[in-house]
Structures are given as structure tokens and as C-alpha cells.
PDB file of N, CA and C in Angstrom:
ATOM      1  N   MET A   1       3.497 -12.689 -22.613  1.00  0.00           N
ATOM      2  CA  MET A   1       1.660 -13.390 -22.856  1.00  0.00           C
ATOM      3  C   MET A   1       2.101 -14.979 -22.248  1.00  0.00           C
ATOM      4  N   PHE A   2       3.226 -15.658 -22.113  1.00  0.00           N
ATOM      5  CA  PHE A   2       3.280 -16.658 -20.925  1.00  0.00           C
ATOM      6  C   PHE A   2       2.727 -15.961 -19.867  1.00  0.00           C
ATOM      7  N   THR A   3       3.360 -15.443 -19.056  1.00  0.00           N
ATOM      8  CA  THR A   3       3.052 -14.606 -17.676  1.00  0.00           C
ATOM      9  C   THR A   3       1.461 -14.853 -17.669  1.00  0.00           C
ATOM     10  N   ILE A   4       0.510 -14.542 -18.918  1.00  0.00           N
ATOM     11  CA  ILE A   4      -0.750 -14.397 -18.272  1.00  0.00           C
ATOM     12  C   ILE A   4      -0.967 -15.518 -18.599  1.00  0.00           C
ATOM     13  N   ILE A   5      -0.717 -16.626 -19.301  1.00  0.00           N
ATOM     14  CA  ILE A   5      -1.497 -17.613 -19.625  1.00  0.00           C
ATOM     15  C   ILE A   5      -0.845 -18.437 -17.534  1.00  0.00           C
ATOM     16  N   LEU A   6       0.077 -18.247 -17.367  1.00  0.00           N
ATOM     17  CA  LEU A   6       0.474 -19.142 -15.949  1.00  0.00           C
ATOM     18  C   LEU A   6      -0.564 -18.345 -14.685  1.00  0.00           C
ATOM     19  N   GLY A   7      -0.570 -17.257 -15.210  1.00  0.00           N
ATOM     20  CA  GLY A   7      -1.405 -16.785 -14.017  1.00  0.00           C
ATOM     21  C   GLY A   7      -2.846 -17.078 -14.186  1.00  0.00           C
ATOM     22  N   ILE A   8      -3.327 -17.521 -15.370  1.00  0.00           N
ATOM     23  CA  ILE A   8      -4.791 -17.839 -15.787  1.00  0.00           C
ATOM     24  C   ILE A   8      -4.638 -19.019 -15.266  1.00  0.00           C
ATOM     25  N   ALA A   9      -3.703 -20.173 -15.765  1.00  0.00           N
ATOM     26  CA  ALA A   9      -3.620 -21.469 -15.244  1.00  0.00           C
ATOM     27  C   ALA A   9      -3.732 -21.635 -13.528  1.00  0.00           C
ATOM     28  N   CYS A  10      -2.898 -20.598 -12.960  1.00  0.00           N
ATOM     29  CA  CYS A  10      -2.612 -20.723 -11.838  1.00  0.00           C
ATOM     30  C   CYS A  10      -3.895 -20.705 -10.965  1.00  0.00           C
ATOM     31  N   ILE A  11      -4.574 -19.566 -11.359  1.00  0.00           N
ATOM     32  CA  ILE A  11      -6.246 -19.076 -11.033  1.00  0.00           C
ATOM     33  C   ILE A  11      -6.926 -20.446 -10.544  1.00  0.00           C
ATOM     34  N   ALA A  12      -6.877 -21.042 -12.138  1.00  0.00           N
ATOM     35  CA  ALA A  12      -7.712 -21.555 -12.464  1.00  0.00           C
ATOM     36  C   ALA A  12      -7.851 -22.801 -11.896  1.00  0.00           C
ATOM     37  N   PHE A  13      -6.603 -23.620 -11.186  1.00  0.00           N
ATOM     38  CA  PHE A  13      -6.063 -24.459 -10.327  1.00  0.00           C
ATOM     39  C   PHE A  13      -6.383 -23.667  -8.805  1.00  0.00           C
ATOM     40  N   ALA A  14      -6.160 -22.836  -8.208  1.00  0.00           N
ATOM     41  CA  ALA A  14      -7.104 -22.506  -6.973  1.00  0.00           C
ATOM     42  C   ALA A  14      -8.275 -22.555  -7.233  1.00  0.00           C
ATOM     43  N   VAL A  15      -8.964 -22.227  -7.616  1.00  0.00           N
ATOM     44  CA  VAL A  15     -10.510 -22.121  -7.857  1.00  0.00           C
ATOM     45  C   VAL A  15     -10.698 -24.251  -7.864  1.00  0.00           C
ATOM     46  N   TYR A  16     -10.133 -24.829  -8.686  1.00  0.00           N
ATOM     47  CA  TYR A  16     -10.383 -26.043  -8.830  1.00  0.00           C
ATOM     48  C   TYR A  16      -9.896 -27.129  -7.360  1.00  0.00           C
ATOM     49  N   ALA A  17      -8.849 -26.457  -6.714  1.00  0.00           N
ATOM     50  CA  ALA A  17      -8.470 -27.188  -5.765  1.00  0.00           C
ATOM     51  C   ALA A  17      -9.547 -26.658  -4.161  1.00  0.00           C
ATOM     52  N   CYS A  18     -10.170 -25.539  -4.504  1.00  0.00           N
ATOM     53  CA  CYS A  18     -11.020 -25.302  -3.708  1.00  0.00           C
ATOM     54  C   CYS A  18     -12.452 -25.648  -3.496  1.00  0.00           C
ATOM     55  N   LEU A  19     -12.756 -26.431  -4.744  1.00  0.00           N
ATOM     56  CA  LEU A  19     -14.834 -26.483  -4.813  1.00  0.00           C
ATOM     57  C   LEU A  19     -14.131 -28.200  -4.274  1.00  0.00           C
ATOM     58  N   PRO A  20     -15.925 -28.357  -3.336  1.00  0.00           N
ATOM     59  CA  PRO A  20     -15.721 -29.748  -3.388  1.00  0.00           C
ATOM     60  C   PRO A  20     -15.813 -30.941  -3.866  1.00  0.00           C
ATOM     61  N   GLY A  21     -16.036 -30.727  -5.464  1.00  0.00           N
ATOM     62  CA  GLY A  21     -15.555 -31.388  -6.216  1.00  0.00           C
ATOM     63  C   GLY A  21     -14.163 -32.142  -6.486  1.00  0.00           C
ATOM     64  N   GLY A  22     -13.210 -30.707  -6.452  1.00  0.00           N
ATOM     65  CA  GLY A  22     -11.990 -30.906  -7.384  1.00  0.00           C
ATOM     66  C   GLY A  22     -11.084 -31.747  -6.117  1.00  0.00           C
ATOM     67  N   LEU A  23     -10.163 -30.849  -5.504  1.00  0.00           N
ATOM     68  CA  LEU A  23      -9.125 -31.469  -4.619  1.00  0.00           C
ATOM     69  C   LEU A  23     -10.338 -31.437  -3.277  1.00  0.00           C
ATOM     70  N   GLY A  24     -10.955 -30.723  -3.041  1.00  0.00           N
ATOM     71  CA  GLY A  24     -11.538 -30.475  -1.691  1.00  0.00           C
ATOM     72  C   GLY A  24     -10.401 -29.968  -0.862  1.00  0.00           C
ATOM     73  N   TRP A  25     -10.056 -28.953  -0.986  1.00  0.00           N
ATOM     74  CA  TRP A  25      -9.011 -28.279  -0.125  1.00  0.00           C
ATOM     75  C   TRP A  25      -9.711 -26.982   0.301  1.00  0.00           C
ATOM     76  N   ASN A  26     -11.075 -26.950   0.064  1.00  0.00           N
ATOM     77  CA  ASN A  26     -12.014 -25.717   0.527  1.00  0.00           C
ATOM     78  C   ASN A  26     -11.771 -25.599   2.184  1.00  0.00           C
ATOM     79  N   ASP A  27     -11.741 -26.463   2.871  1.00  0.00           N
ATOM     80  CA  ASP A  27     -11.807 -26.541   4.177  1.00  0.00           C
ATOM     81  C   ASP A  27     -10.599 -25.864   4.776  1.00  0.00           C
ATOM     82  N   GLU A  28      -9.209 -26.236   4.099  1.00  0.00           N
ATOM     83  CA  GLU A  28      -7.763 -25.923   4.831  1.00  0.00           C
ATOM     84  C   GLU A  28      -7.692 -24.352   3.944  1.00  0.00           C
ATOM     85  N   VAL A  29      -8.483 -24.301   2.982  1.00  0.00           N
ATOM     86  CA  VAL A  29      -8.073 -23.113   2.455  1.00  0.00           C
ATOM     87  C   VAL A  29      -8.729 -22.095   3.750  1.00  0.00           C
ATOM     88  N   PHE A  30     -10.077 -22.045   3.920  1.00  0.00           N
ATOM     89  CA  PHE A  30     -11.177 -21.473   4.905  1.00  0.00           C
ATOM     90  C   PHE A  30      -9.731 -21.572   6.316  1.00  0.00           C
ATOM     91  N   PHE A  31      -9.176 -22.363   6.870  1.00  0.00           N
ATOM     92  CA  PHE A  31      -8.412 -22.319   7.688  1.00  0.00           C
ATOM     93  C   PHE A  31      -7.895 -21.595   8.120  1.00  0.00           C
ATOM     94  N   PHE A  32      -6.872 -21.406   6.442  1.00  0.00           N
ATOM     95  CA  PHE A  32      -5.867 -20.448   6.271  1.00  0.00           C
ATOM     96  C   PHE A  32      -6.101 -19.107   6.495  1.00  0.00           C
ATOM     97  N   LEU A  33      -6.922 -19.217   5.568  1.00  0.00           N
ATOM     98  CA  LEU A  33      -7.690 -17.598   5.844  1.00  0.00           C
ATOM     99  C   LEU A  33      -8.225 -17.043   7.252  1.00  0.00           C
ATOM    100  N   LYS A  34      -8.529 -18.043   7.899  1.00  0.00           N
ATOM    101  CA  LYS A  34      -8.856 -17.451   9.267  1.00  0.00           C
ATOM    102  C   LYS A  34      -8.067 -16.917  10.120  1.00  0.00           C
ATOM    103  N   GLY A  35      -6.781 -17.938  10.106  1.00  0.00           N
ATOM    104  CA  GLY A  35      -5.442 -17.538  10.509  1.00  0.00           C
ATOM    105  C   GLY A  35      -4.365 -16.270   9.981  1.00  0.00           C
ATOM    106  N   ALA A  36      -4.778 -16.000   9.127  1.00  0.00           N
ATOM    107  CA  ALA A  36      -4.033 -15.110   8.129  1.00  0.00           C
ATOM    108  C   ALA A  36      -4.541 -13.775   8.520  1.00  0.00           C
ATOM    109  N   SER A  37      -5.698 -13.487   7.982  1.00  0.00           N
ATOM    110  CA  SER A  37      -6.198 -12.359   8.291  1.00  0.00           C
ATOM    111  C   SER A  37      -5.857 -11.499   9.159  1.00  0.00           C
ATOM    112  N   PRO A  38      -6.019 -11.628  10.342  1.00  0.00           N
ATOM    113  CA  PRO A  38      -5.203 -11.129  11.469  1.00  0.00           C
ATOM    114  C   PRO A  38      -4.129 -10.346  11.012  1.00  0.00           C
ATOM    115  N   VAL A  39      -3.129 -11.232  10.649  1.00  0.00           N
ATOM    116  CA  VAL A  39      -2.006 -11.040  10.489  1.00  0.00           C
ATOM    117  C   VAL A  39      -1.798  -9.671   9.214  1.00  0.00           C
ATOM    118  N   VAL A  40      -2.767 -10.046   8.220  1.00  0.00           N
ATOM    119  CA  VAL A  40      -2.522  -9.377   6.775  1.00  0.00           C
ATOM    120  C   VAL A  40      -3.123  -7.916   7.621  1.00  0.00           C
ATOM    121  N   ALA A  41      -4.194  -7.746   8.270  1.00  0.00           N
ATOM    122  CA  ALA A  41      -4.630  -6.781   8.567  1.00  0.00           C
ATOM    123  C   ALA A  41      -3.823  -6.247   9.887  1.00  0.00           C
ATOM    124  N   ALA A  42      -2.863  -6.465  10.430  1.00  0.00           N
ATOM    125  CA  ALA A  42      -1.612  -5.843  10.806  1.00  0.00           C
ATOM    126  C   ALA A  42      -0.868  -5.373  10.105  1.00  0.00           C
ATOM    127  N   ILE A  43      -0.522  -5.898   8.726  1.00  0.00           N
ATOM    128  CA  ILE A  43       0.485  -5.206   7.901  1.00  0.00           C
ATOM    129  C   ILE A  43      -0.098  -4.375   7.313  1.00  0.00           C
ATOM    130  N   ILE A  44      -1.131  -3.941   6.841  1.00  0.00           N
ATOM    131  CA  ILE A  44      -1.697  -3.096   6.649  1.00  0.00           C
ATOM    132  C   ILE A  44      -1.872  -2.369   7.312  1.00  0.00           C
ATOM    133  N   ALA A  45      -2.265  -2.211   8.642  1.00  0.00           N
ATOM    134  CA  ALA A  45      -2.303  -1.226   9.429  1.00  0.00           C
ATOM    135  C   ALA A  45      -1.069  -0.533   9.782  1.00  0.00           C
ATOM    136  N   LEU A  46       0.352  -1.354   9.604  1.00  0.00           N
ATOM    137  CA  LEU A  46       1.352  -1.069   9.787  1.00  0.00           C
ATOM    138  C   LEU A  46       1.828   0.170   8.658  1.00  0.00           C
ATOM    139  N   ILE A  47       1.933  -0.693   7.132  1.00  0.00           N
ATOM    140  CA  ILE A  47       1.849   0.461   5.936  1.00  0.00           C
ATOM    141  C   ILE A  47       1.134   1.498   6.567  1.00  0.00           C
ATOM    142  N   ALA A  48      -0.284   1.883   6.612  1.00  0.00           N
ATOM    143  CA  ALA A  48      -0.739   2.740   6.946  1.00  0.00           C
ATOM    144  C   ALA A  48      -0.253   3.679   7.370  1.00  0.00           C
ATOM    145  N   ILE A  49       0.130   3.409   8.369  1.00  0.00           N
ATOM    146  CA  ILE A  49       0.647   4.261   9.415  1.00  0.00           C
ATOM    147  C   ILE A  49       1.842   4.704   9.503  1.00  0.00           C
ATOM    148  N   LEU A  50       2.752   3.827   8.608  1.00  0.00           N
ATOM    149  CA  LEU A  50       4.150   4.662   7.719  1.00  0.00           C
ATOM    150  C   LEU A  50       3.626   5.700   6.780  1.00  0.00           C
ATOM    151  N   VAL A  51       2.957   5.238   6.081  1.00  0.00           N
ATOM    152  CA  VAL A  51       2.255   6.333   5.252  1.00  0.00           C
ATOM    153  C   VAL A  51       1.755   7.850   5.301  1.00  0.00           C
ATOM    154  N   GLY A  52       1.063   7.361   6.560  1.00  0.00           N
ATOM    155  CA  GLY A  52       0.774   8.660   7.310  1.00  0.00           C
ATOM    156  C   GLY A  52       1.387   9.483   7.882  1.00  0.00           C
ATOM    157  N   ILE A  53       2.638   8.941   8.559  1.00  0.00           N
ATOM    158  CA  ILE A  53       3.754   9.525   8.863  1.00  0.00           C
ATOM    159  C   ILE A  53       4.926  10.200   7.919  1.00  0.00           C
ATOM    160  N   ALA A  54       5.166   9.774   6.789  1.00  0.00           N
ATOM    161  CA  ALA A  54       5.674  10.292   5.798  1.00  0.00           C
ATOM    162  C   ALA A  54       4.958  11.229   4.961  1.00  0.00           C
ATOM    163  N   ASP A  55       3.375  11.313   5.267  1.00  0.00           N
ATOM    164  CA  ASP A  55       3.028  12.325   4.504  1.00  0.00           C
ATOM    165  C   ASP A  55       3.013  13.673   5.870  1.00  0.00           C
ATOM    166  N   ILE A  56       2.877  13.548   6.922  1.00  0.00           N
ATOM    167  CA  ILE A  56       3.099  14.534   7.894  1.00  0.00           C
ATOM    168  C   ILE A  56       4.493  15.046   7.681  1.00  0.00           C
ATOM    169  N   LYS A  57       5.070  14.013   7.350  1.00  0.00           N
ATOM    170  CA  LYS A  57       6.712  14.877   7.199  1.00  0.00           C
ATOM    171  C   LYS A  57       7.041  15.580   6.210  1.00  0.00           C
ATOM    172  N   ASP A  58       6.153  15.242   4.915  1.00  0.00           N
ATOM    173  CA  ASP A  58       6.501  16.126   3.667  1.00  0.00           C
ATOM    174  C   ASP A  58       5.324  17.619   3.821  1.00  0.00           C
ATOM    175  N   ARG A  59       4.660  17.186   4.182  1.00  0.00           N
ATOM    176  CA  ARG A  59       3.751  18.415   4.746  1.00  0.00           C
ATOM    177  C   ARG A  59       4.467  19.159   5.346  1.00  0.00           C
ATOM    178  N   ARG A  60       5.228  18.986   6.598  1.00  0.00           N
ATOM    179  CA  ARG A  60       5.977  20.063   6.980  1.00  0.00           C
ATOM    180  C   ARG A  60       6.718  20.235   6.264  1.00  0.00           C
ATOM    181  N   GLU A  61       7.298  19.784   5.675  1.00  0.00           N
ATOM    182  CA  GLU A  61       8.656  20.009   4.604  1.00  0.00           C
ATOM    183  C   GLU A  61       8.379  21.067   3.862  1.00  0.00           C
ATOM    184  N   ALA A  62       7.225  20.938   2.964  1.00  0.00           N
ATOM    185  CA  ALA A  62       6.605  21.696   2.211  1.00  0.00           C
ATOM    186  C   ALA A  62       6.250  22.915   2.617  1.00  0.00           C
ATOM    187  N   ARG A  63       5.632  23.269   3.835  1.00  0.00           N
ATOM    188  CA  ARG A  63       5.247  24.473   4.722  1.00  0.00           C
ATOM    189  C   ARG A  63       6.610  25.250   4.731  1.00  0.00           C
ATOM    190  N   LEU A  64       7.417  24.274   5.352  1.00  0.00           N
ATOM    191  CA  LEU A  64       9.137  25.119   5.424  1.00  0.00           C
ATOM    192  C   LEU A  64       9.662  25.993   4.389  1.00  0.00           C
ATOM    193  N   GLU A  65       9.374  25.292   3.002  1.00  0.00           N
ATOM    194  CA  GLU A  65      10.044  25.473   2.282  1.00  0.00           C
ATOM    195  C   GLU A  65       9.184  26.619   1.681  1.00  0.00           C
ATOM    196  N   GLU A  66       7.748  26.627   1.567  1.00  0.00           N
ATOM    197  CA  GLU A  66       6.961  27.891   1.328  1.00  0.00           C
ATOM    198  C   GLU A  66       7.424  29.231   1.872  1.00  0.00           C
ATOM    199  N   GLU A  67       7.737  28.634   3.361  1.00  0.00           N
ATOM    200  CA  GLU A  67       7.957  29.833   4.231  1.00  0.00           C
ATOM    201  C   GLU A  67       9.323  30.418   3.806  1.00  0.00           C
ATOM    202  N   GLU A  68      10.073  29.500   3.410  1.00  0.00           N
ATOM    203  CA  GLU A  68      11.570  30.074   2.880  1.00  0.00           C
ATOM    204  C   GLU A  68      11.334  30.759   1.852  1.00  0.00           C
ATOM    205  N   ALA A  69      10.429  30.471   1.164  1.00  0.00           N
ATOM    206  CA  ALA A  69      10.820  30.956  -0.181  1.00  0.00           C
ATOM    207  C   ALA A  69       9.768  32.509   0.187  1.00  0.00           C
ATOM    208  N   LEU A  70       8.652  32.528   0.612  1.00  0.00           N
ATOM    209  CA  LEU A  70       8.165  34.149   1.348  1.00  0.00           C
ATOM    210  C   LEU A  70       9.375  34.879   1.791  1.00  0.00           C
ATOM    211  N   ARG A  71      10.063  34.285   2.457  1.00  0.00           N
ATOM    212  CA  ARG A  71      11.178  35.072   3.492  1.00  0.00           C
ATOM    213  C   ARG A  71      12.407  35.657   2.146  1.00  0.00           C
ATOM    214  N   ALA A  72      12.863  34.810   1.247  1.00  0.00           N
ATOM    215  CA  ALA A  72      13.475  35.298   0.317  1.00  0.00           C
ATOM    216  C   ALA A  72      12.981  36.141  -0.551  1.00  0.00           C
ATOM    217  N   GLU A  73      11.224  36.152  -0.810  1.00  0.00           N
ATOM    218  CA  GLU A  73      10.738  36.807  -1.589  1.00  0.00           C
ATOM    219  C   GLU A  73      10.844  38.322  -1.041  1.00  0.00           C
ATOM    220  N   ALA A  74      10.678  38.281   0.038  1.00  0.00           N
ATOM    221  CA  ALA A  74      10.556  39.699   0.900  1.00  0.00           C
ATOM    222  C   ALA A  74      11.570  40.179   1.206  1.00  0.00           C
ATOM    223  N   GLU A  75      13.037  39.619   1.152  1.00  0.00           N
ATOM    224  CA  GLU A  75      14.353  40.123   1.567  1.00  0.00           C
ATOM    225  C   GLU A  75      14.627  40.814   0.050  1.00  0.00           C
ATOM    226  N   ASP A  76      14.123  40.079  -1.325  1.00  0.00           N
ATOM    227  CA  ASP A  76      14.652  40.807  -2.282  1.00  0.00           C
ATOM    228  C   ASP A  76      13.715  41.701  -2.566  1.00  0.00           C
ATOM    229  N   SER A  77      12.353  42.385  -2.266  1.00  0.00           N
ATOM    230  CA  SER A  77      11.453  43.264  -2.768  1.00  0.00           C
ATOM    231  C   SER A  77      12.175  44.306  -1.816  1.00  0.00           C
ATOM    232  N   LYS A  78      12.931  44.198  -0.317  1.00  0.00           N
ATOM    233  CA  LYS A  78      13.326  45.394   0.476  1.00  0.00           C
ATOM    234  C   LYS A  78      14.625  45.427  -0.434  1.00  0.00           C
ATOM    235  N   LYS A  79      15.324  44.835  -0.935  1.00  0.00           N
ATOM    236  CA  LYS A  79      16.490  44.926  -1.394  1.00  0.00           C
ATOM    237  C   LYS A  79      16.217  46.305  -2.877  1.00  0.00           C
ATOM    238  N   ASN A  80      15.459  45.789  -3.577  1.00  0.00           N
ATOM    239  CA  ASN A  80      14.741  46.571  -4.450  1.00  0.00           C
ATOM    240  C   ASN A  80      14.124  47.869  -4.360  1.00  0.00           C
ATOM    241  N   VAL A  81      13.863  48.168  -2.878  1.00  0.00           N
ATOM    242  CA  VAL A  81      13.403  49.070  -2.727  1.00  0.00           C
ATOM    243  C   VAL A  81      14.386  50.249  -2.446  1.00  0.00           C
TER     244      VAL A  81
END
């Protein structure tokens, strides 16, 4: 419960700091956001690429396991005949 109240207080402070009548930090906040957005976009792109590579590897591994199971099933059916 304490963390929820703390989170709400931090959000309220951030909103107050950005208001022109509050602390007046809106220009600095926009300056930071303009500078940080390309960096954040690059990090998100890197994470997306890594997740895509992991997905391709998982699909390849699943396909190999499926083929191995089919081979084992085929060998079992040959032994039973």
C-alpha cells in the first residue's frame, strides 16, 4: 500500500513540476524527452531484434524436435512390424 501511495505522490510531483504555474520545468522536460527519445527507440529496436532472433531459434529447435519424434515413431513402427 505504501508503494502505491508513493507512486501516486511521485506522479503528482512530476505533473506539478511540468506545469507552467508549478516549478516551471516544462522546457527542461521537453528538452530531455527530445534528447532521450532516439536513445529509447534504439534500445527498443535492439530488444525487438534480440527477441526476434530468439524466436527464430526456438522455432528451429521445435521443428528439429518434431522431426526427431517422427523419426523415432517411424523406427518404432518398423520394429513392431
